[in-house]
Protein backbone atom coordinates (compact mmCIF):
# COMPACT_ATOMS: atom_id res chain seq x y z
CA UNK A 1 0.00 0.00 0.00
CA UNK A 2 2.76 2.46 0.90
CA UNK A 3 4.60 1.79 -2.38
CA UNK A 4 1.49 2.63 -4.42
CA UNK A 5 1.04 5.86 -2.47
CA UNK A 6 4.66 6.85 -3.13
CA UNK A 7 4.23 6.06 -6.84
CA UNK A 8 1.07 8.18 -6.94
CA UNK A 9 2.87 11.10 -5.29
CA UNK A 10 5.74 10.72 -7.74
CA UNK A 11 3.31 10.89 -10.69
CA UNK A 12 1.66 14.00 -9.22
CA UNK A 13 5.06 15.67 -8.81
CA UNK A 14 6.09 14.77 -12.36
CA UNK A 15 2.82 16.15 -13.71
CA UNK A 16 3.30 19.40 -11.75
CA UNK A 17 6.89 19.75 -12.95
CA UNK A 18 5.87 19.02 -16.56
CA UNK A 19 3.25 21.78 -16.41
CA UNK A 20 5.87 24.16 -14.99
CA UNK A 21 8.38 23.24 -17.70
CA UNK A 22 5.78 24.11 -20.35
CA UNK A 23 4.42 27.26 -18.72
CA UNK A 24 5.78 30.52 -20.20
CA UNK A 25 5.19 32.17 -16.81
CA UNK A 26 7.52 29.80 -14.94
CA UNK A 27 10.34 31.73 -13.24
CA UNK A 28 13.81 31.34 -14.74
CA UNK A 29 15.25 29.78 -11.57
CA UNK A 30 12.62 27.03 -11.79
CA UNK A 31 13.41 26.46 -15.47
CA UNK A 32 17.09 26.12 -14.52
CA UNK A 33 16.21 23.42 -11.99
CA UNK A 34 13.90 21.61 -14.40
CA UNK A 35 16.56 21.72 -17.13
CA UNK A 36 18.80 19.70 -14.79
CA UNK A 37 16.19 17.02 -14.12
CA UNK A 38 17.07 13.38 -14.70
CA UNK A 39 13.81 13.12 -16.69
CA UNK A 40 14.20 13.59 -20.47
CA UNK A 41 10.58 14.69 -20.86
CA UNK A 42 11.04 17.56 -18.41
CA UNK A 43 14.26 18.72 -20.05
CA UNK A 44 12.59 18.50 -23.46
CA UNK A 45 9.65 20.56 -22.25
CA UNK A 46 12.06 23.23 -20.98
CA UNK A 47 13.73 23.22 -24.41
CA UNK A 48 10.36 23.81 -26.11
CA UNK A 49 9.23 26.51 -23.68
CA UNK A 50 9.44 29.78 -25.63
CA UNK A 51 10.28 31.65 -22.40
CA UNK A 52 13.40 29.58 -21.73
CA UNK A 53 16.38 31.94 -21.94
CA UNK A 54 19.28 31.28 -24.28
CA UNK A 55 21.74 30.41 -21.53
CA UNK A 56 19.57 27.42 -20.54
CA UNK A 57 19.16 26.38 -24.19
CA UNK A 58 22.94 26.49 -24.59
CA UNK A 59 23.30 24.15 -21.61
CA UNK A 60 20.71 21.80 -23.11
CA UNK A 61 22.72 21.66 -26.34
CA UNK A 62 25.19 19.48 -24.39
CA UNK A 63 22.43 17.11 -23.26
CA UNK A 64 23.07 13.50 -24.29
CA UNK A 65 19.37 12.70 -24.73
CA UNK A 66 18.20 12.32 -28.32
CA UNK A 67 14.74 13.41 -27.15
CA UNK A 68 16.06 16.71 -25.78
CA UNK A 69 18.05 17.23 -28.99
CA UNK A 70 14.88 16.66 -31.03
CA UNK A 71 13.00 19.20 -28.89
CA UNK A 72 15.74 21.76 -29.48
CA UNK A 73 15.52 21.11 -33.25
CA UNK A 74 11.73 21.45 -33.11
CA UNK A 75 12.05 24.75 -31.26
CA UNK A 76 14.44 26.02 -33.94
CA UNK A 77 12.00 24.95 -36.68
CA UNK A 78 9.13 26.73 -34.94
CA UNK A 79 11.18 29.91 -34.51
CA UNK A 80 12.28 29.81 -38.16
CA UNK A 81 8.68 29.40 -39.35
CA UNK A 82 7.52 32.39 -37.27
CA UNK A 83 10.10 34.72 -38.83
PDB file of N, CA and C in Angstrom:
ATOM      1  N   UNK A   1       0.817  -1.197   0.000  1.00  0.00           N
ATOM      2  CA  UNK A   1       0.000   0.000   0.000  1.00  0.00           C
ATOM      3  C   UNK A   1       0.865   1.267   0.000  1.00  0.00           C
ATOM      4  N   UNK A   2       1.899   1.284   0.801  1.00  0.00           N
ATOM      5  CA  UNK A   2       2.763   2.462   0.896  1.00  0.00           C
ATOM      6  C   UNK A   2       3.479   2.708  -0.434  1.00  0.00           C
ATOM      7  N   UNK A   3       3.904   1.646  -1.096  1.00  0.00           N
ATOM      8  CA  UNK A   3       4.601   1.791  -2.378  1.00  0.00           C
ATOM      9  C   UNK A   3       3.693   2.442  -3.414  1.00  0.00           C
ATOM     10  N   UNK A   4       2.436   2.032  -3.471  1.00  0.00           N
ATOM     11  CA  UNK A   4       1.487   2.627  -4.416  1.00  0.00           C
ATOM     12  C   UNK A   4       1.274   4.112  -4.116  1.00  0.00           C
ATOM     13  N   UNK A   5       1.220   4.464  -2.837  1.00  0.00           N
ATOM     14  CA  UNK A   5       1.040   5.862  -2.468  1.00  0.00           C
ATOM     15  C   UNK A   5       2.254   6.691  -2.885  1.00  0.00           C
ATOM     16  N   UNK A   6       3.442   6.149  -2.719  1.00  0.00           N
ATOM     17  CA  UNK A   6       4.659   6.851  -3.128  1.00  0.00           C
ATOM     18  C   UNK A   6       4.677   7.014  -4.646  1.00  0.00           C
ATOM     19  N   UNK A   7       4.290   5.969  -5.381  1.00  0.00           N
ATOM     20  CA  UNK A   7       4.235   6.062  -6.841  1.00  0.00           C
ATOM     21  C   UNK A   7       3.223   7.105  -7.282  1.00  0.00           C
ATOM     22  N   UNK A   8       2.076   7.167  -6.611  1.00  0.00           N
ATOM     23  CA  UNK A   8       1.066   8.178  -6.935  1.00  0.00           C
ATOM     24  C   UNK A   8       1.607   9.579  -6.700  1.00  0.00           C
ATOM     25  N   UNK A   9       2.290   9.793  -5.586  1.00  0.00           N
ATOM     26  CA  UNK A   9       2.873  11.102  -5.292  1.00  0.00           C
ATOM     27  C   UNK A   9       3.932  11.463  -6.319  1.00  0.00           C
ATOM     28  N   UNK A  10       4.705  10.483  -6.737  1.00  0.00           N
ATOM     29  CA  UNK A  10       5.739  10.715  -7.741  1.00  0.00           C
ATOM     30  C   UNK A  10       5.107  11.153  -9.064  1.00  0.00           C
ATOM     31  N   UNK A  11       4.000  10.525  -9.446  1.00  0.00           N
ATOM     32  CA  UNK A  11       3.307  10.888 -10.685  1.00  0.00           C
ATOM     33  C   UNK A  11       2.736  12.302 -10.590  1.00  0.00           C
ATOM     34  N   UNK A  12       2.210  12.656  -9.431  1.00  0.00           N
ATOM     35  CA  UNK A  12       1.663  13.997  -9.223  1.00  0.00           C
ATOM     36  C   UNK A  12       2.775  15.033  -9.343  1.00  0.00           C
ATOM     37  N   UNK A  13       3.922  14.755  -8.722  1.00  0.00           N
ATOM     38  CA  UNK A  13       5.060  15.667  -8.811  1.00  0.00           C
ATOM     39  C   UNK A  13       5.532  15.824 -10.248  1.00  0.00           C
ATOM     40  N   UNK A  14       5.646  14.717 -10.974  1.00  0.00           N
ATOM     41  CA  UNK A  14       6.087  14.769 -12.358  1.00  0.00           C
ATOM     42  C   UNK A  14       5.114  15.588 -13.196  1.00  0.00           C
ATOM     43  N   UNK A  15       3.831  15.393 -12.976  1.00  0.00           N
ATOM     44  CA  UNK A  15       2.817  16.148 -13.708  1.00  0.00           C
ATOM     45  C   UNK A  15       2.952  17.643 -13.414  1.00  0.00           C
ATOM     46  N   UNK A  16       3.136  17.988 -12.151  1.00  0.00           N
ATOM     47  CA  UNK A  16       3.297  19.396 -11.754  1.00  0.00           C
ATOM     48  C   UNK A  16       4.546  19.990 -12.400  1.00  0.00           C
ATOM     49  N   UNK A  17       5.646  19.250 -12.360  1.00  0.00           N
ATOM     50  CA  UNK A  17       6.890  19.746 -12.950  1.00  0.00           C
ATOM     51  C   UNK A  17       6.769  19.880 -14.469  1.00  0.00           C
ATOM     52  N   UNK A  18       6.069  18.948 -15.109  1.00  0.00           N
ATOM     53  CA  UNK A  18       5.873  19.016 -16.556  1.00  0.00           C
ATOM     54  C   UNK A  18       5.072  20.263 -16.931  1.00  0.00           C
ATOM     55  N   UNK A  19       4.034  20.561 -16.153  1.00  0.00           N
ATOM     56  CA  UNK A  19       3.251  21.784 -16.406  1.00  0.00           C
ATOM     57  C   UNK A  19       4.129  23.018 -16.239  1.00  0.00           C
ATOM     58  N   UNK A  20       4.970  23.025 -15.203  1.00  0.00           N
ATOM     59  CA  UNK A  20       5.868  24.160 -14.988  1.00  0.00           C
ATOM     60  C   UNK A  20       6.851  24.308 -16.149  1.00  0.00           C
ATOM     61  N   UNK A  21       7.407  23.199 -16.613  1.00  0.00           N
ATOM     62  CA  UNK A  21       8.379  23.235 -17.699  1.00  0.00           C
ATOM     63  C   UNK A  21       7.771  23.800 -18.979  1.00  0.00           C
ATOM     64  N   UNK A  22       6.479  23.621 -19.167  1.00  0.00           N
ATOM     65  CA  UNK A  22       5.780  24.113 -20.355  1.00  0.00           C
ATOM     66  C   UNK A  22       5.217  25.519 -20.205  1.00  0.00           C
ATOM     67  N   UNK A  23       5.089  25.993 -18.991  1.00  0.00           N
ATOM     68  CA  UNK A  23       4.423  27.261 -18.718  1.00  0.00           C
ATOM     69  C   UNK A  23       5.343  28.451 -18.999  1.00  0.00           C
ATOM     70  N   UNK A  24       4.939  29.359 -19.899  1.00  0.00           N
ATOM     71  CA  UNK A  24       5.779  30.519 -20.200  1.00  0.00           C
ATOM     72  C   UNK A  24       5.936  31.478 -19.008  1.00  0.00           C
ATOM     73  N   UNK A  25       5.114  31.309 -18.004  1.00  0.00           N
ATOM     74  CA  UNK A  25       5.193  32.168 -16.814  1.00  0.00           C
ATOM     75  C   UNK A  25       6.091  31.596 -15.720  1.00  0.00           C
ATOM     76  N   UNK A  26       6.652  30.426 -15.941  1.00  0.00           N
ATOM     77  CA  UNK A  26       7.520  29.800 -14.940  1.00  0.00           C
ATOM     78  C   UNK A  26       8.773  30.647 -14.750  1.00  0.00           C
ATOM     79  N   UNK A  27       9.136  30.928 -13.501  1.00  0.00           N
ATOM     80  CA  UNK A  27      10.342  31.728 -13.238  1.00  0.00           C
ATOM     81  C   UNK A  27      11.602  31.041 -13.782  1.00  0.00           C
ATOM     82  N   UNK A  28      12.565  31.853 -14.153  1.00  0.00           N
ATOM     83  CA  UNK A  28      13.806  31.339 -14.741  1.00  0.00           C
ATOM     84  C   UNK A  28      14.518  30.379 -13.798  1.00  0.00           C
ATOM     85  N   UNK A  29      14.546  30.683 -12.502  1.00  0.00           N
ATOM     86  CA  UNK A  29      15.251  29.784 -11.573  1.00  0.00           C
ATOM     87  C   UNK A  29      14.615  28.394 -11.545  1.00  0.00           C
ATOM     88  N   UNK A  30      13.302  28.333 -11.722  1.00  0.00           N
ATOM     89  CA  UNK A  30      12.621  27.032 -11.787  1.00  0.00           C
ATOM     90  C   UNK A  30      12.961  26.318 -13.088  1.00  0.00           C
ATOM     91  N   UNK A  31      13.027  27.063 -14.188  1.00  0.00           N
ATOM     92  CA  UNK A  31      13.410  26.460 -15.467  1.00  0.00           C
ATOM     93  C   UNK A  31      14.833  25.909 -15.402  1.00  0.00           C
ATOM     94  N   UNK A  32      15.716  26.611 -14.698  1.00  0.00           N
ATOM     95  CA  UNK A  32      17.090  26.117 -14.523  1.00  0.00           C
ATOM     96  C   UNK A  32      17.057  24.767 -13.816  1.00  0.00           C
ATOM     97  N   UNK A  33      16.301  24.676 -12.734  1.00  0.00           N
ATOM     98  CA  UNK A  33      16.209  23.416 -11.987  1.00  0.00           C
ATOM     99  C   UNK A  33      15.612  22.304 -12.850  1.00  0.00           C
ATOM    100  N   UNK A  34      14.553  22.611 -13.571  1.00  0.00           N
ATOM    101  CA  UNK A  34      13.899  21.605 -14.405  1.00  0.00           C
ATOM    102  C   UNK A  34      14.808  21.163 -15.556  1.00  0.00           C
ATOM    103  N   UNK A  35      15.645  22.066 -16.032  1.00  0.00           N
ATOM    104  CA  UNK A  35      16.559  21.720 -17.129  1.00  0.00           C
ATOM    105  C   UNK A  35      17.648  20.759 -16.666  1.00  0.00           C
ATOM    106  N   UNK A  36      17.798  20.605 -15.351  1.00  0.00           N
ATOM    107  CA  UNK A  36      18.797  19.702 -14.789  1.00  0.00           C
ATOM    108  C   UNK A  36      18.175  18.400 -14.288  1.00  0.00           C
ATOM    109  N   UNK A  37      16.896  18.213 -14.560  1.00  0.00           N
ATOM    110  CA  UNK A  37      16.189  17.016 -14.124  1.00  0.00           C
ATOM    111  C   UNK A  37      16.783  15.769 -14.779  1.00  0.00           C
ATOM    112  N   UNK A  38      16.634  14.650 -14.109  1.00  0.00           N
ATOM    113  CA  UNK A  38      17.067  13.382 -14.704  1.00  0.00           C
ATOM    114  C   UNK A  38      16.038  12.870 -15.727  1.00  0.00           C
ATOM    115  N   UNK A  39      14.891  13.539 -15.809  1.00  0.00           N
ATOM    116  CA  UNK A  39      13.814  13.123 -16.695  1.00  0.00           C
ATOM    117  C   UNK A  39      13.917  13.825 -18.057  1.00  0.00           C
ATOM    118  N   UNK A  40      14.088  13.046 -19.112  1.00  0.00           N
ATOM    119  CA  UNK A  40      14.204  13.589 -20.470  1.00  0.00           C
ATOM    120  C   UNK A  40      12.985  14.424 -20.869  1.00  0.00           C
ATOM    121  N   UNK A  41      11.802  13.973 -20.472  1.00  0.00           N
ATOM    122  CA  UNK A  41      10.576  14.692 -20.857  1.00  0.00           C
ATOM    123  C   UNK A  41      10.554  16.093 -20.268  1.00  0.00           C
ATOM    124  N   UNK A  42      11.003  16.232 -19.036  1.00  0.00           N
ATOM    125  CA  UNK A  42      11.037  17.560 -18.410  1.00  0.00           C
ATOM    126  C   UNK A  42      12.055  18.460 -19.107  1.00  0.00           C
ATOM    127  N   UNK A  43      13.237  17.920 -19.373  1.00  0.00           N
ATOM    128  CA  UNK A  43      14.263  18.722 -20.047  1.00  0.00           C
ATOM    129  C   UNK A  43      13.803  19.104 -21.455  1.00  0.00           C
ATOM    130  N   UNK A  44      13.122  18.192 -22.129  1.00  0.00           N
ATOM    131  CA  UNK A  44      12.587  18.495 -23.456  1.00  0.00           C
ATOM    132  C   UNK A  44      11.526  19.576 -23.411  1.00  0.00           C
ATOM    133  N   UNK A  45      10.688  19.532 -22.403  1.00  0.00           N
ATOM    134  CA  UNK A  45       9.649  20.564 -22.253  1.00  0.00           C
ATOM    135  C   UNK A  45      10.279  21.929 -22.001  1.00  0.00           C
ATOM    136  N   UNK A  46      11.337  21.968 -21.207  1.00  0.00           N
ATOM    137  CA  UNK A  46      12.056  23.228 -20.975  1.00  0.00           C
ATOM    138  C   UNK A  46      12.623  23.729 -22.306  1.00  0.00           C
ATOM    139  N   UNK A  47      13.173  22.832 -23.108  1.00  0.00           N
ATOM    140  CA  UNK A  47      13.734  23.215 -24.407  1.00  0.00           C
ATOM    141  C   UNK A  47      12.665  23.818 -25.320  1.00  0.00           C
ATOM    142  N   UNK A  48      11.445  23.313 -25.249  1.00  0.00           N
ATOM    143  CA  UNK A  48      10.360  23.806 -26.106  1.00  0.00           C
ATOM    144  C   UNK A  48       9.670  25.058 -25.559  1.00  0.00           C
ATOM    145  N   UNK A  49       9.870  25.347 -24.289  1.00  0.00           N
ATOM    146  CA  UNK A  49       9.227  26.514 -23.676  1.00  0.00           C
ATOM    147  C   UNK A  49       9.811  27.782 -24.297  1.00  0.00           C
ATOM    148  N   UNK A  50       8.971  28.577 -24.940  1.00  0.00           N
ATOM    149  CA  UNK A  50       9.435  29.780 -25.628  1.00  0.00           C
ATOM    150  C   UNK A  50       9.990  30.844 -24.674  1.00  0.00           C
ATOM    151  N   UNK A  51       9.745  30.701 -23.382  1.00  0.00           N
ATOM    152  CA  UNK A  51      10.276  31.648 -22.403  1.00  0.00           C
ATOM    153  C   UNK A  51      11.631  31.219 -21.842  1.00  0.00           C
ATOM    154  N   UNK A  52      12.099  30.051 -22.220  1.00  0.00           N
ATOM    155  CA  UNK A  52      13.397  29.581 -21.732  1.00  0.00           C
ATOM    156  C   UNK A  52      14.492  30.460 -22.319  1.00  0.00           C
ATOM    157  N   UNK A  53      15.311  31.060 -21.434  1.00  0.00           N
ATOM    158  CA  UNK A  53      16.378  31.944 -21.937  1.00  0.00           C
ATOM    159  C   UNK A  53      17.495  31.170 -22.647  1.00  0.00           C
ATOM    160  N   UNK A  54      18.224  31.888 -23.477  1.00  0.00           N
ATOM    161  CA  UNK A  54      19.280  31.279 -24.284  1.00  0.00           C
ATOM    162  C   UNK A  54      20.337  30.557 -23.464  1.00  0.00           C
ATOM    163  N   UNK A  55      20.681  31.062 -22.289  1.00  0.00           N
ATOM    164  CA  UNK A  55      21.744  30.411 -21.526  1.00  0.00           C
ATOM    165  C   UNK A  55      21.331  29.001 -21.104  1.00  0.00           C
ATOM    166  N   UNK A  56      20.042  28.773 -20.870  1.00  0.00           N
ATOM    167  CA  UNK A  56      19.573  27.420 -20.542  1.00  0.00           C
ATOM    168  C   UNK A  56      19.584  26.560 -21.805  1.00  0.00           C
ATOM    169  N   UNK A  57      19.153  27.124 -22.925  1.00  0.00           N
ATOM    170  CA  UNK A  57      19.165  26.384 -24.190  1.00  0.00           C
ATOM    171  C   UNK A  57      20.582  25.958 -24.552  1.00  0.00           C
ATOM    172  N   UNK A  58      21.542  26.827 -24.301  1.00  0.00           N
ATOM    173  CA  UNK A  58      22.941  26.489 -24.587  1.00  0.00           C
ATOM    174  C   UNK A  58      23.407  25.313 -23.726  1.00  0.00           C
ATOM    175  N   UNK A  59      22.967  25.277 -22.474  1.00  0.00           N
ATOM    176  CA  UNK A  59      23.302  24.150 -21.606  1.00  0.00           C
ATOM    177  C   UNK A  59      22.655  22.865 -22.136  1.00  0.00           C
ATOM    178  N   UNK A  60      21.428  22.980 -22.603  1.00  0.00           N
ATOM    179  CA  UNK A  60      20.714  21.802 -23.112  1.00  0.00           C
ATOM    180  C   UNK A  60      21.314  21.281 -24.414  1.00  0.00           C
ATOM    181  N   UNK A  61      22.053  22.118 -25.125  1.00  0.00           N
ATOM    182  CA  UNK A  61      22.725  21.658 -26.341  1.00  0.00           C
ATOM    183  C   UNK A  61      23.735  20.551 -26.040  1.00  0.00           C
ATOM    184  N   UNK A  62      24.230  20.509 -24.803  1.00  0.00           N
ATOM    185  CA  UNK A  62      25.188  19.477 -24.388  1.00  0.00           C
ATOM    186  C   UNK A  62      24.509  18.234 -23.837  1.00  0.00           C
ATOM    187  N   UNK A  63      23.182  18.239 -23.801  1.00  0.00           N
ATOM    188  CA  UNK A  63      22.434  17.107 -23.257  1.00  0.00           C
ATOM    189  C   UNK A  63      22.645  15.882 -24.146  1.00  0.00           C
ATOM    190  N   UNK A  64      22.827  14.733 -23.528  1.00  0.00           N
ATOM    191  CA  UNK A  64      23.075  13.504 -24.293  1.00  0.00           C
ATOM    192  C   UNK A  64      21.794  12.822 -24.775  1.00  0.00           C
ATOM    193  N   UNK A  65      20.643  13.306 -24.343  1.00  0.00           N
ATOM    194  CA  UNK A  65      19.370  12.701 -24.726  1.00  0.00           C
ATOM    195  C   UNK A  65      18.983  13.080 -26.157  1.00  0.00           C
ATOM    196  N   UNK A  66      18.671  12.073 -26.960  1.00  0.00           N
ATOM    197  CA  UNK A  66      18.197  12.323 -28.319  1.00  0.00           C
ATOM    198  C   UNK A  66      16.844  13.040 -28.279  1.00  0.00           C
ATOM    199  N   UNK A  67      16.032  12.741 -27.262  1.00  0.00           N
ATOM    200  CA  UNK A  67      14.737  13.405 -27.146  1.00  0.00           C
ATOM    201  C   UNK A  67      14.911  14.908 -26.935  1.00  0.00           C
ATOM    202  N   UNK A  68      15.808  15.285 -26.040  1.00  0.00           N
ATOM    203  CA  UNK A  68      16.062  16.712 -25.779  1.00  0.00           C
ATOM    204  C   UNK A  68      16.603  17.371 -27.047  1.00  0.00           C
ATOM    205  N   UNK A  69      17.508  16.695 -27.739  1.00  0.00           N
ATOM    206  CA  UNK A  69      18.049  17.232 -28.994  1.00  0.00           C
ATOM    207  C   UNK A  69      16.928  17.451 -30.011  1.00  0.00           C
ATOM    208  N   UNK A  70      15.993  16.508 -30.080  1.00  0.00           N
ATOM    209  CA  UNK A  70      14.879  16.656 -31.034  1.00  0.00           C
ATOM    210  C   UNK A  70      13.972  17.821 -30.639  1.00  0.00           C
ATOM    211  N   UNK A  71      13.799  18.053 -29.356  1.00  0.00           N
ATOM    212  CA  UNK A  71      12.997  19.197 -28.889  1.00  0.00           C
ATOM    213  C   UNK A  71      13.687  20.510 -29.248  1.00  0.00           C
ATOM    214  N   UNK A  72      15.003  20.557 -29.109  1.00  0.00           N
ATOM    215  CA  UNK A  72      15.745  21.759 -29.485  1.00  0.00           C
ATOM    216  C   UNK A  72      15.629  22.013 -30.994  1.00  0.00           C
ATOM    217  N   UNK A  73      15.686  20.952 -31.793  1.00  0.00           N
ATOM    218  CA  UNK A  73      15.521  21.111 -33.248  1.00  0.00           C
ATOM    219  C   UNK A  73      14.110  21.598 -33.576  1.00  0.00           C
ATOM    220  N   UNK A  74      13.120  21.043 -32.898  1.00  0.00           N
ATOM    221  CA  UNK A  74      11.726  21.447 -33.110  1.00  0.00           C
ATOM    222  C   UNK A  74      11.537  22.921 -32.760  1.00  0.00           C
ATOM    223  N   UNK A  75      12.147  23.341 -31.661  1.00  0.00           N
ATOM    224  CA  UNK A  75      12.055  24.747 -31.259  1.00  0.00           C
ATOM    225  C   UNK A  75      12.637  25.641 -32.347  1.00  0.00           C
ATOM    226  N   UNK A  76      13.795  25.248 -32.872  1.00  0.00           N
ATOM    227  CA  UNK A  76      14.444  26.015 -33.936  1.00  0.00           C
ATOM    228  C   UNK A  76      13.547  26.085 -35.165  1.00  0.00           C
ATOM    229  N   UNK A  77      12.922  24.972 -35.531  1.00  0.00           N
ATOM    230  CA  UNK A  77      12.004  24.948 -36.681  1.00  0.00           C
ATOM    231  C   UNK A  77      10.832  25.899 -36.457  1.00  0.00           C
ATOM    232  N   UNK A  78      10.269  25.856 -35.254  1.00  0.00           N
ATOM    233  CA  UNK A  78       9.130  26.729 -34.940  1.00  0.00           C
ATOM    234  C   UNK A  78       9.534  28.193 -35.005  1.00  0.00           C
ATOM    235  N   UNK A  79      10.716  28.511 -34.483  1.00  0.00           N
ATOM    236  CA  UNK A  79      11.180  29.908 -34.508  1.00  0.00           C
ATOM    237  C   UNK A  79      11.477  30.364 -35.928  1.00  0.00           C
ATOM    238  N   UNK A  80      11.977  29.472 -36.764  1.00  0.00           N
ATOM    239  CA  UNK A  80      12.278  29.810 -38.161  1.00  0.00           C
ATOM    240  C   UNK A  80      10.988  30.058 -38.937  1.00  0.00           C
ATOM    241  N   UNK A  81       9.963  29.257 -38.651  1.00  0.00           N
ATOM    242  CA  UNK A  81       8.681  29.401 -39.348  1.00  0.00           C
ATOM    243  C   UNK A  81       7.985  30.705 -38.972  1.00  0.00           C
ATOM    244  N   UNK A  82       8.173  31.148 -37.727  1.00  0.00           N
ATOM    245  CA  UNK A  82       7.524  32.386 -37.269  1.00  0.00           C
ATOM    246  C   UNK A  82       8.134  33.618 -37.902  1.00  0.00           C
ATOM    247  N   UNK A  83       9.390  33.554 -38.294  1.00  0.00           N
ATOM    248  CA  UNK A  83      10.102  34.723 -38.825  1.00  0.00           C
ATOM    249  C   UNK A  83       9.604  35.132 -40.185  1.00  0.00           C
TER     250      UNK A  83
END
